[in-house]
């Protein structure tokens, strides 16, 4: 069973320590905001017993005509970092789904399963098929929690990432 938006909101906090914006809390989840965008700069490696994340280049936003920051993203794959720290409860599993407005603009968001006990400010893969403008702080994905019977809690390499 998926949890309510207010239940999910209790598992999140903005990385700057402020409160979540009321508009982020949805009936069945919480919208995640865009904190940073990166482009892969060198190959990574996934082996049978190890992994290496390739270096990335941070994409810097430009200023629009009003002086507001804006990412202008050409088609391709980007790694995005979310603006919220997530603490997945021990009896849940988390998922991030793209917001429909992102998909309607020719982009989608992909992430892995967020295991019980994970805490951190995660990342996702933003696939852009048509040029798109995205503001830092824009709501790009929705985090949802489902009740789960977990065999322990997450204790992997990404525990506490980006916090």
Protein backbone atom coordinates (compact mmCIF):
# COMPACT_ATOMS: atom_id res chain seq x y z
CA UNK A 1 0.00 0.00 0.00
CA UNK A 2 1.28 3.46 -0.89
CA UNK A 3 1.52 6.04 1.88
CA UNK A 4 -0.28 9.40 1.97
CA UNK A 5 1.49 12.59 0.96
CA UNK A 6 1.56 13.79 4.56
CA UNK A 7 3.20 10.53 5.65
CA UNK A 8 5.80 10.85 2.89
CA UNK A 9 6.41 14.49 3.84
CA UNK A 10 7.44 13.37 7.32
CA UNK A 11 10.33 11.43 5.72
CA UNK A 12 11.73 14.45 3.82
CA UNK A 13 13.40 17.73 4.58
CA UNK A 14 14.97 20.33 2.30
CA UNK A 15 18.78 20.17 2.37
CA UNK A 16 18.90 23.80 3.54
CA UNK A 17 16.98 22.93 6.72
CA UNK A 18 13.88 24.94 5.79
CA UNK A 19 10.39 23.43 5.71
CA UNK A 20 8.90 21.75 2.66
CA UNK A 21 6.77 24.04 0.51
CA UNK A 22 3.07 23.19 0.99
CA UNK A 23 2.74 22.86 -2.81
CA UNK A 24 5.22 19.97 -2.78
CA UNK A 25 2.93 17.73 -0.72
CA UNK A 26 0.61 15.78 -3.02
CA UNK A 27 -2.18 13.29 -2.16
CA UNK A 28 0.18 10.28 -2.50
CA UNK A 29 3.69 11.67 -2.33
CA UNK A 30 5.96 14.71 -2.26
CA UNK A 31 7.39 16.58 -5.22
CA UNK A 32 11.19 16.63 -5.33
CA UNK A 33 12.96 19.74 -6.56
CA UNK A 34 15.97 20.18 -8.81
CA UNK A 35 19.11 21.15 -6.91
CA UNK A 36 21.90 20.51 -9.43
CA UNK A 37 22.53 19.09 -12.90
CA UNK A 38 25.59 17.08 -13.96
CA UNK A 39 26.82 15.65 -17.26
CA UNK A 40 28.82 12.42 -17.29
CA UNK A 41 32.41 13.32 -18.24
CA UNK A 42 34.07 9.89 -18.33
CA UNK A 43 32.98 6.27 -18.44
CA UNK A 44 31.94 4.52 -15.28
CA UNK A 45 32.15 0.78 -14.68
CA UNK A 46 29.75 -1.78 -13.30
CA UNK A 47 31.59 -5.03 -12.56
CA UNK A 48 30.50 -8.31 -10.99
CA UNK A 49 31.87 -7.34 -7.58
CA UNK A 50 32.50 -3.60 -7.71
CA UNK A 51 31.54 -0.33 -9.38
CA UNK A 52 33.10 2.99 -10.28
CA UNK A 53 31.09 6.12 -10.91
CA UNK A 54 32.69 8.12 -13.71
CA UNK A 55 33.55 11.76 -13.15
CA UNK A 56 30.86 14.29 -13.91
CA UNK A 57 30.85 17.91 -14.96
CA UNK A 58 28.45 20.21 -13.14
CA UNK A 59 26.18 22.11 -15.51
CA UNK A 60 25.93 25.75 -14.44
CA UNK A 61 22.62 27.53 -14.97
CA UNK A 62 22.46 30.69 -17.08
CA UNK A 63 20.58 33.87 -16.26
CA UNK A 64 17.42 34.59 -18.25
CA UNK A 65 16.29 38.08 -19.37
CA UNK A 66 15.04 38.82 -15.82
CA UNK A 67 18.30 37.69 -14.21
CA UNK A 68 16.73 34.46 -12.87
CA UNK A 69 18.82 31.28 -13.08
CA UNK A 70 17.77 28.73 -15.67
CA UNK A 71 19.14 25.46 -17.05
CA UNK A 72 18.85 25.15 -20.83
CA UNK A 73 19.20 21.41 -21.47
CA UNK A 74 19.78 19.94 -24.91
CA UNK A 75 18.76 16.33 -25.68
CA UNK A 76 20.82 13.82 -23.76
CA UNK A 77 21.20 12.19 -20.39
CA UNK A 78 21.88 14.21 -17.24
CA UNK A 79 22.33 13.23 -13.60
CA UNK A 80 20.21 15.44 -11.36
CA UNK A 81 20.51 15.88 -7.61
CA UNK A 82 17.35 16.49 -5.64
CA UNK A 83 16.96 19.34 -3.18
CA UNK A 84 15.50 17.21 -0.39
CA UNK A 85 17.08 14.83 2.11
CA UNK A 86 15.08 11.62 2.26
CA UNK A 87 14.89 9.16 5.15
CA UNK A 88 13.08 6.02 4.04
CA UNK A 89 11.31 4.46 7.03
CA UNK A 90 12.40 0.93 7.95
CA UNK A 91 8.99 -0.47 6.98
CA UNK A 92 8.81 1.18 3.52
CA UNK A 93 10.40 1.28 0.09
CA UNK A 94 10.65 4.49 -1.93
CA UNK A 95 10.22 5.30 -5.61
CA UNK A 96 10.63 8.51 -7.62
CA UNK A 97 8.41 9.07 -10.62
CA UNK A 98 8.61 11.97 -13.09
CA UNK A 99 6.08 14.78 -12.87
CA UNK A 100 3.71 14.71 -15.82
CA UNK A 101 4.68 18.24 -16.90
CA UNK A 102 8.26 17.02 -17.32
CA UNK A 103 7.13 14.18 -19.61
CA UNK A 104 4.81 16.48 -21.56
CA UNK A 105 7.89 18.54 -22.39
CA UNK A 106 9.80 15.57 -23.80
CA UNK A 107 11.81 14.63 -20.71
CA UNK A 108 11.60 11.84 -18.16
CA UNK A 109 13.22 10.94 -14.89
CA UNK A 110 14.53 7.52 -13.92
CA UNK A 111 15.73 6.31 -10.55
CA UNK A 112 16.45 3.09 -8.73
CA UNK A 113 14.59 1.64 -5.76
CA UNK A 114 15.18 3.51 -2.49
CA UNK A 115 15.55 0.77 0.12
CA UNK A 116 14.26 0.78 3.68
CA UNK A 117 16.63 2.73 5.92
CA UNK A 118 18.24 4.79 3.13
CA UNK A 119 19.03 8.36 4.07
CA UNK A 120 20.50 10.94 1.76
CA UNK A 121 19.93 13.45 -0.97
CA UNK A 122 19.64 11.17 -3.94
CA UNK A 123 20.11 11.51 -7.64
CA UNK A 124 18.22 10.51 -10.75
CA UNK A 125 18.73 10.25 -14.49
CA UNK A 126 17.02 13.03 -16.44
CA UNK A 127 16.52 11.94 -20.06
CA UNK A 128 15.86 14.92 -22.33
CA UNK A 129 14.51 14.18 -25.84
CA UNK A 130 13.78 17.78 -26.84
CA UNK A 131 15.40 20.99 -25.55
CA UNK A 132 13.90 22.12 -22.25
CA UNK A 133 14.35 24.99 -19.80
CA UNK A 134 14.33 24.04 -16.11
CA UNK A 135 14.75 26.41 -13.18
CA UNK A 136 16.77 25.41 -10.12
CA UNK A 137 14.24 24.53 -7.44
CA UNK A 138 11.61 23.41 -9.98
CA UNK A 139 9.55 20.37 -9.00
CA UNK A 140 10.66 17.57 -11.34
CA UNK A 141 9.73 14.27 -9.66
CA UNK A 142 7.39 12.82 -7.09
CA UNK A 143 8.69 10.65 -4.25
CA UNK A 144 6.30 7.96 -3.05
CA UNK A 145 6.56 5.40 -0.27
CA UNK A 146 5.04 1.93 -0.20
CA UNK A 147 4.72 -0.27 2.85
CA UNK A 148 7.25 -3.09 2.61
CA UNK A 149 8.34 -6.16 4.50
CA UNK A 150 12.09 -5.52 4.35
CA UNK A 151 14.92 -7.93 5.14
CA UNK A 152 16.99 -5.40 7.07
CA UNK A 153 17.84 -1.85 6.11
CA UNK A 154 20.08 -0.19 3.54
CA UNK A 155 23.77 -0.07 4.46
CA UNK A 156 25.38 0.55 1.07
CA UNK A 157 27.83 2.99 -0.47
CA UNK A 158 25.24 5.73 -0.97
CA UNK A 159 24.02 5.92 2.63
CA UNK A 160 24.23 9.60 3.64
CA UNK A 161 25.08 10.78 0.11
CA UNK A 162 25.05 14.49 -0.68
CA UNK A 163 24.06 15.46 2.87
